Amino acid sequence: VIDALEDIKAFDITVMDVRNLTSMTSYMIVASANSTRQAKAIADNVREKLKEKGADLRGTEGEKDGEWVLVDLGDIVVHIMIPSARAYYNLEQLWGETETRRTASKKSAA
């Protein structure tokens, strides 16, 4: 999933282990995109790459607006957000005390 995000230049990627907080999913991944168009392209790439690997794609939400696109992979839920939406919703803080891993920020030029 991380490789599929980074292929289309997602940045500020955070992986949260939420297994002890919810039964909906095991991991949440939050990533930023520079624009709604890029967020949609990242979501498309995640779906395409994981479909090739036989992953269970349960659904996608938010592609129409593109400010926050959610890709549900069952055990992993991927949130792709433009920076203003990410700052507003602050999912990392909302989910509180989780085991979190951040990847190196590779913000691309806008």
C-alpha atoms as a PDB file:
ATOM      1  CA  VAL A   1       0.000   0.000   0.000  1.00  0.00           C
ATOM      2  CA  ILE A   2       2.795   2.425   0.909  1.00  0.00           C
ATOM      3  CA  ASP A   3       4.513   1.818  -2.443  1.00  0.00           C
ATOM      4  CA  ALA A   4       1.247   2.484  -4.300  1.00  0.00           C
ATOM      5  CA  LEU A   5       0.841   5.755  -2.382  1.00  0.00           C
ATOM      6  CA  GLU A   6       4.412   6.855  -3.019  1.00  0.00           C
ATOM      7  CA  ASP A   7       4.194   5.950  -6.742  1.00  0.00           C
ATOM      8  CA  ILE A   8       1.897   8.958  -7.235  1.00  0.00           C
ATOM      9  CA  LYS A   9       3.819  11.191  -4.798  1.00  0.00           C
ATOM     10  CA  ALA A  10       1.622  10.940  -1.696  1.00  0.00           C
ATOM     11  CA  PHE A  11       3.447  12.485   1.247  1.00  0.00           C
ATOM     12  CA  ASP A  12       3.328  12.674   5.052  1.00  0.00           C
ATOM     13  CA  ILE A  13       2.183   9.038   5.230  1.00  0.00           C
ATOM     14  CA  THR A  14       1.137   7.764   8.657  1.00  0.00           C
ATOM     15  CA  VAL A  15       0.293   4.146   9.506  1.00  0.00           C
ATOM     16  CA  MET A  16      -1.857   3.661  12.623  1.00  0.00           C
ATOM     17  CA  ASP A  17      -2.403   0.309  14.340  1.00  0.00           C
ATOM     18  CA  VAL A  18      -6.048   0.493  15.494  1.00  0.00           C
ATOM     19  CA  ARG A  19      -6.591  -3.206  16.278  1.00  0.00           C
ATOM     20  CA  ASN A  20      -7.126  -2.459  19.980  1.00  0.00           C
ATOM     21  CA  LEU A  21      -9.529   0.426  19.267  1.00  0.00           C
ATOM     22  CA  THR A  22     -11.983  -0.900  16.679  1.00  0.00           C
ATOM     23  CA  SER A  23     -13.164  -4.113  15.088  1.00  0.00           C
ATOM     24  CA  MET A  24     -13.752  -2.367  11.718  1.00  0.00           C
ATOM     25  CA  THR A  25     -10.151  -2.569  10.560  1.00  0.00           C
ATOM     26  CA  SER A  26      -6.649  -3.351  11.764  1.00  0.00           C
ATOM     27  CA  TYR A  27      -4.708  -0.457  10.263  1.00  0.00           C
ATOM     28  CA  MET A  28      -5.461   3.030   9.041  1.00  0.00           C
ATOM     29  CA  ILE A  29      -3.116   4.764   6.669  1.00  0.00           C
ATOM     30  CA  VAL A  30      -3.379   8.527   6.262  1.00  0.00           C
ATOM     31  CA  ALA A  31      -1.579  10.220   3.370  1.00  0.00           C
ATOM     32  CA  SER A  32      -1.554  13.720   1.917  1.00  0.00           C
ATOM     33  CA  ALA A  33      -1.952  14.839  -1.692  1.00  0.00           C
ATOM     34  CA  ASN A  34      -1.235  18.263  -3.164  1.00  0.00           C
ATOM     35  CA  SER A  35      -4.599  18.523  -4.956  1.00  0.00           C
ATOM     36  CA  THR A  36      -7.955  16.804  -5.374  1.00  0.00           C
ATOM     37  CA  ARG A  37      -6.812  15.521  -8.762  1.00  0.00           C
ATOM     38  CA  GLN A  38      -3.720  13.964  -7.205  1.00  0.00           C
ATOM     39  CA  ALA A  39      -5.808  12.451  -4.366  1.00  0.00           C
ATOM     40  CA  LYS A  40      -8.033  10.735  -6.932  1.00  0.00           C
ATOM     41  CA  ALA A  41      -5.002   9.495  -8.894  1.00  0.00           C
ATOM     42  CA  ILE A  42      -3.420   8.111  -5.723  1.00  0.00           C
ATOM     43  CA  ALA A  43      -6.651   6.280  -4.818  1.00  0.00           C
ATOM     44  CA  ASP A  44      -6.855   4.851  -8.349  1.00  0.00           C
ATOM     45  CA  ASN A  45      -3.264   3.614  -8.085  1.00  0.00           C
ATOM     46  CA  VAL A  46      -3.840   2.022  -4.670  1.00  0.00           C
ATOM     47  CA  ARG A  47      -6.878   0.158  -6.014  1.00  0.00           C
ATOM     48  CA  GLU A  48      -5.100  -0.892  -9.214  1.00  0.00           C
ATOM     49  CA  LYS A  49      -1.924  -2.138  -7.507  1.00  0.00           C
ATOM     50  CA  LEU A  50      -3.813  -4.041  -4.825  1.00  0.00           C
ATOM     51  CA  LYS A  51      -6.275  -5.530  -7.289  1.00  0.00           C
ATOM     52  CA  GLU A  52      -3.255  -6.906  -9.200  1.00  0.00           C
ATOM     53  CA  LYS A  53      -2.164  -8.598  -5.960  1.00  0.00           C
ATOM     54  CA  GLY A  54      -5.619 -10.086  -5.365  1.00  0.00           C
ATOM     55  CA  ALA A  55      -6.523  -7.855  -2.419  1.00  0.00           C
ATOM     56  CA  ASP A  56     -10.091  -7.545  -1.165  1.00  0.00           C
ATOM     57  CA  LEU A  57     -11.260  -4.094  -2.300  1.00  0.00           C
ATOM     58  CA  ARG A  58     -14.394  -3.290  -0.324  1.00  0.00           C
ATOM     59  CA  GLY A  59     -15.087   0.193  -1.616  1.00  0.00           C
ATOM     60  CA  THR A  60     -14.071   3.780  -2.179  1.00  0.00           C
ATOM     61  CA  GLU A  61     -15.676   6.975  -0.897  1.00  0.00           C
ATOM     62  CA  GLY A  62     -15.092  10.659  -1.587  1.00  0.00           C
ATOM     63  CA  GLU A  63     -13.763  10.549  -5.138  1.00  0.00           C
ATOM     64  CA  LYS A  64     -16.322  13.027  -6.409  1.00  0.00           C
ATOM     65  CA  ASP A  65     -14.937  15.887  -4.289  1.00  0.00           C
ATOM     66  CA  GLY A  66     -11.452  14.477  -3.833  1.00  0.00           C
ATOM     67  CA  GLU A  67     -10.579  16.423  -0.685  1.00  0.00           C
ATOM     68  CA  TRP A  68     -10.737  13.188   1.318  1.00  0.00           C
ATOM     69  CA  VAL A  69     -10.747   9.873  -0.527  1.00  0.00           C
ATOM     70  CA  LEU A  70     -11.153   6.671   1.484  1.00  0.00           C
ATOM     71  CA  VAL A  71     -10.155   3.277   0.090  1.00  0.00           C
ATOM     72  CA  ASP A  72     -11.463   0.347   2.165  1.00  0.00           C
ATOM     73  CA  LEU A  73      -9.301  -2.751   1.885  1.00  0.00           C
ATOM     74  CA  GLY A  74     -10.850  -4.563   4.838  1.00  0.00           C
ATOM     75  CA  ASP A  75      -7.941  -4.946   7.256  1.00  0.00           C
ATOM     76  CA  ILE A  76      -6.521  -1.644   5.990  1.00  0.00           C
ATOM     77  CA  VAL A  77      -8.401   1.607   5.425  1.00  0.00           C
ATOM     78  CA  VAL A  78      -6.515   4.239   3.429  1.00  0.00           C
ATOM     79  CA  HIS A  79      -7.366   7.935   3.836  1.00  0.00           C
ATOM     80  CA  ILE A  80      -5.953  10.247   1.149  1.00  0.00           C
ATOM     81  CA  MET A  81      -6.489  13.898   1.999  1.00  0.00           C
ATOM     82  CA  ILE A  82      -5.506  17.325   0.790  1.00  0.00           C
ATOM     83  CA  PRO A  83      -3.610  19.210   3.548  1.00  0.00           C
ATOM     84  CA  SER A  84      -6.512  21.488   4.569  1.00  0.00           C
ATOM     85  CA  ALA A  85      -8.866  18.520   5.069  1.00  0.00           C
ATOM     86  CA  ARG A  86      -6.183  16.576   6.907  1.00  0.00           C
ATOM     87  CA  ALA A  87      -5.546  19.473   9.278  1.00  0.00           C
ATOM     88  CA  TYR A  88      -9.278  19.990   9.857  1.00  0.00           C
ATOM     89  CA  TYR A  89     -10.177  16.350  10.580  1.00  0.00           C
ATOM     90  CA  ASN A  90      -6.846  15.461  12.267  1.00  0.00           C
ATOM     91  CA  LEU A  91      -7.487  11.708  12.216  1.00  0.00           C
ATOM     92  CA  GLU A  92      -4.239  10.942  14.005  1.00  0.00           C
ATOM     93  CA  GLN A  93      -5.409  12.885  17.065  1.00  0.00           C
ATOM     94  CA  LEU A  94      -8.994  11.633  16.751  1.00  0.00           C
ATOM     95  CA  TRP A  95      -7.845   8.018  17.073  1.00  0.00           C
ATOM     96  CA  GLY A  96      -5.762   8.942  20.118  1.00  0.00           C
ATOM     97  CA  GLU A  97      -3.217   6.547  21.503  1.00  0.00           C
ATOM     98  CA  THR A  98      -2.335   4.271  18.627  1.00  0.00           C
ATOM     99  CA  GLU A  99       0.906   2.683  17.628  1.00  0.00           C
ATOM    100  CA  THR A 100       1.909   4.980  14.788  1.00  0.00           C
ATOM    101  CA  ARG A 101       4.616   4.854  12.154  1.00  0.00           C
ATOM    102  CA  ARG A 102       5.323   7.768   9.865  1.00  0.00           C
ATOM    103  CA  THR A 103       7.199   7.479   6.615  1.00  0.00           C
ATOM    104  CA  ALA A 104       9.689  10.112   5.572  1.00  0.00           C
ATOM    105  CA  SER A 105       7.917  13.151   4.197  1.00  0.00           C
ATOM    106  CA  LYS A 106       8.603  13.422   0.472  1.00  0.00           C
ATOM    107  CA  LYS A 107       6.428  16.425  -0.338  1.00  0.00           C
ATOM    108  CA  SER A 108       6.480  17.106  -4.035  1.00  0.00           C
ATOM    109  CA  ALA A 109       6.542  20.576  -5.487  1.00  0.00           C
ATOM    110  CA  ALA A 110       3.065  21.893  -6.202  1.00  0.00           C
END
